[in-house]
C-alpha atoms as a PDB file:
ATOM      1  CA  MET A   1       0.001  -0.005   0.007  1.00  0.00           C
ATOM      2  CA  LEU A   2       1.134   3.528  -0.694  1.00  0.00           C
ATOM      3  CA  LEU A   3       0.228   5.898   2.149  1.00  0.00           C
ATOM      4  CA  TRP A   4       0.524   9.642   2.562  1.00  0.00           C
ATOM      5  CA  TRP A   5       0.017  11.525   5.858  1.00  0.00           C
ATOM      6  CA  VAL A   6      -2.389  14.423   5.306  1.00  0.00           C
ATOM      7  CA  THR A   7      -2.491  16.837   8.247  1.00  0.00           C
ATOM      8  CA  ALA A   8      -5.770  18.404   7.122  1.00  0.00           C
ATOM      9  CA  LEU A   9      -7.380  14.986   7.498  1.00  0.00           C
ATOM     10  CA  ASP A  10      -5.330  14.123  10.584  1.00  0.00           C
ATOM     11  CA  GLY A  11      -4.750  10.733   9.124  1.00  0.00           C
ATOM     12  CA  TRP A  12      -3.333   8.550   6.380  1.00  0.00           C
ATOM     13  CA  LEU A  13      -4.536   8.756   2.803  1.00  0.00           C
ATOM     14  CA  LEU A  14      -4.397   5.455   0.935  1.00  0.00           C
ATOM     15  CA  LEU A  15      -3.070   6.314  -2.513  1.00  0.00           C
ATOM     16  CA  ASP A  16      -2.648   2.809  -3.964  1.00  0.00           C
ATOM     17  CA  GLY A  17      -3.127  -0.778  -2.891  1.00  0.00           C
ATOM     18  CA  HIS A  18      -6.780  -0.698  -1.907  1.00  0.00           C
ATOM     19  CA  ASP A  19      -7.383  -4.352  -2.926  1.00  0.00           C
ATOM     20  CA  ARG A  20      -4.255  -5.523  -1.143  1.00  0.00           C
ATOM     21  CA  ALA A  21      -5.369  -3.728   2.021  1.00  0.00           C
ATOM     22  CA  VAL A  22      -8.832  -5.364   1.931  1.00  0.00           C
ATOM     23  CA  ALA A  23      -7.323  -8.824   1.298  1.00  0.00           C
ATOM     24  CA  ALA A  24      -4.749  -8.535   4.083  1.00  0.00           C
ATOM     25  CA  LEU A  25      -7.279  -7.174   6.589  1.00  0.00           C
ATOM     26  CA  ALA A  26      -9.731 -10.003   5.658  1.00  0.00           C
ATOM     27  CA  GLU A  27      -6.975 -12.477   6.497  1.00  0.00           C
ATOM     28  CA  GLY A  28      -6.339 -10.741   9.827  1.00  0.00           C
ATOM     29  CA  ARG A  29      -2.922  -9.445   8.725  1.00  0.00           C
ATOM     30  CA  THR A  30      -1.396  -6.023   8.581  1.00  0.00           C
ATOM     31  CA  PRO A  31      -0.693  -5.084   4.963  1.00  0.00           C
ATOM     32  CA  PRO A  32       2.839  -3.991   4.035  1.00  0.00           C
ATOM     33  CA  CYS A  33       3.028  -0.239   3.522  1.00  0.00           C
ATOM     34  CA  VAL A  34       5.192   2.352   1.846  1.00  0.00           C
ATOM     35  CA  VAL A  35       4.914   5.923   3.055  1.00  0.00           C
ATOM     36  CA  LEU A  36       5.176   8.795   0.627  1.00  0.00           C
ATOM     37  CA  THR A  37       6.951  11.625   2.316  1.00  0.00           C
ATOM     38  CA  ARG A  38       8.739  14.828   1.448  1.00  0.00           C
ATOM     39  CA  VAL A  39      12.382  15.085   2.390  1.00  0.00           C
ATOM     40  CA  PRO A  40      13.191  18.739   2.993  1.00  0.00           C
ATOM     41  CA  ASP A  41      16.966  18.393   2.733  1.00  0.00           C
ATOM     42  CA  GLU A  42      18.559  17.311  -0.568  1.00  0.00           C
ATOM     43  CA  GLU A  43      21.608  15.917   1.242  1.00  0.00           C
ATOM     44  CA  ASP A  44      19.430  13.719   3.533  1.00  0.00           C
ATOM     45  CA  TRP A  45      17.462  12.380   0.558  1.00  0.00           C
ATOM     46  CA  ARG A  46      20.593  11.473  -1.387  1.00  0.00           C
ATOM     47  CA  ARG A  47      22.180   9.791   1.689  1.00  0.00           C
ATOM     48  CA  GLU A  48      19.029   7.779   2.263  1.00  0.00           C
ATOM     49  CA  ALA A  49      18.783   6.704  -1.381  1.00  0.00           C
ATOM     50  CA  ARG A  50      22.456   5.716  -1.329  1.00  0.00           C
ATOM     51  CA  GLU A  51      21.957   3.558   1.789  1.00  0.00           C
ATOM     52  CA  VAL A  52      18.946   1.809   0.327  1.00  0.00           C
ATOM     53  CA  THR A  53      20.639   1.006  -2.990  1.00  0.00           C
ATOM     54  CA  GLU A  54      23.711  -0.424  -1.223  1.00  0.00           C
ATOM     55  CA  GLU A  55      21.623  -3.287   0.196  1.00  0.00           C
ATOM     56  CA  ALA A  56      21.950  -6.855  -1.104  1.00  0.00           C
ATOM     57  CA  ARG A  57      20.740  -7.609  -4.615  1.00  0.00           C
ATOM     58  CA  THR A  58      17.347  -9.166  -5.273  1.00  0.00           C
ATOM     59  CA  ARG A  59      17.920 -12.665  -6.518  1.00  0.00           C
ATOM     60  CA  SER A  60      15.884 -14.428  -9.167  1.00  0.00           C
ATOM     61  CA  TRP A  61      15.817 -17.920 -10.517  1.00  0.00           C
ATOM     62  CA  PRO A  62      14.810 -19.240 -13.957  1.00  0.00           C
ATOM     63  CA  LEU A  63      11.315 -20.636 -14.324  1.00  0.00           C
ATOM     64  CA  PRO A  64      11.442 -24.330 -15.248  1.00  0.00           C
ATOM     65  CA  GLY A  65       9.939 -24.582 -18.718  1.00  0.00           C
ATOM     66  CA  GLY A  66      11.123 -21.157 -19.785  1.00  0.00           C
ATOM     67  CA  VAL A  67       9.033 -18.730 -21.824  1.00  0.00           C
ATOM     68  CA  SER A  68       6.264 -21.193 -22.605  1.00  0.00           C
ATOM     69  CA  ALA A  69       5.791 -21.962 -18.894  1.00  0.00           C
ATOM     70  CA  TRP A  70       5.652 -18.233 -18.137  1.00  0.00           C
ATOM     71  CA  GLU A  71       3.060 -17.593 -20.868  1.00  0.00           C
ATOM     72  CA  ALA A  72       0.882 -20.433 -19.548  1.00  0.00           C
ATOM     73  CA  LEU A  73       1.007 -18.985 -16.045  1.00  0.00           C
ATOM     74  CA  ALA A  74       0.266 -15.497 -17.340  1.00  0.00           C
ATOM     75  CA  ALA A  75      -2.701 -16.736 -19.400  1.00  0.00           C
ATOM     76  CA  ALA A  76      -4.127 -18.529 -16.353  1.00  0.00           C
ATOM     77  CA  ALA A  77      -3.763 -15.383 -14.239  1.00  0.00           C
ATOM     78  CA  MET A  78      -5.449 -13.224 -16.884  1.00  0.00           C
ATOM     79  CA  PHE A  79      -8.351 -15.707 -17.022  1.00  0.00           C
ATOM     80  CA  GLN A  80      -8.783 -15.413 -13.237  1.00  0.00           C
ATOM     81  CA  PHE A  81      -8.457 -11.606 -13.245  1.00  0.00           C
ATOM     82  CA  PRO A  82      -9.684 -10.391 -16.624  1.00  0.00           C
ATOM     83  CA  GLY A  83      -9.909  -6.755 -15.512  1.00  0.00           C
ATOM     84  CA  ASP A  84      -6.152  -6.437 -14.908  1.00  0.00           C
END
């Protein structure tokens, strides 16, 4: 979910991830969130961005069956969720 604190509302505004929020709450879980915020100092923002990008790489593994397996999975997902 993408959240933004709005002082005029004295609360969080949900910008994106509405369906994820509903699904997580229906399962009794707290949905993962990202907070949109303004960083007033350019130096702070750059330092923070540098620290985040110095973390370990995201690993991926090949899908057994290659492209045809991926296309079959994608077709099944589109059948289940035709609006996406």
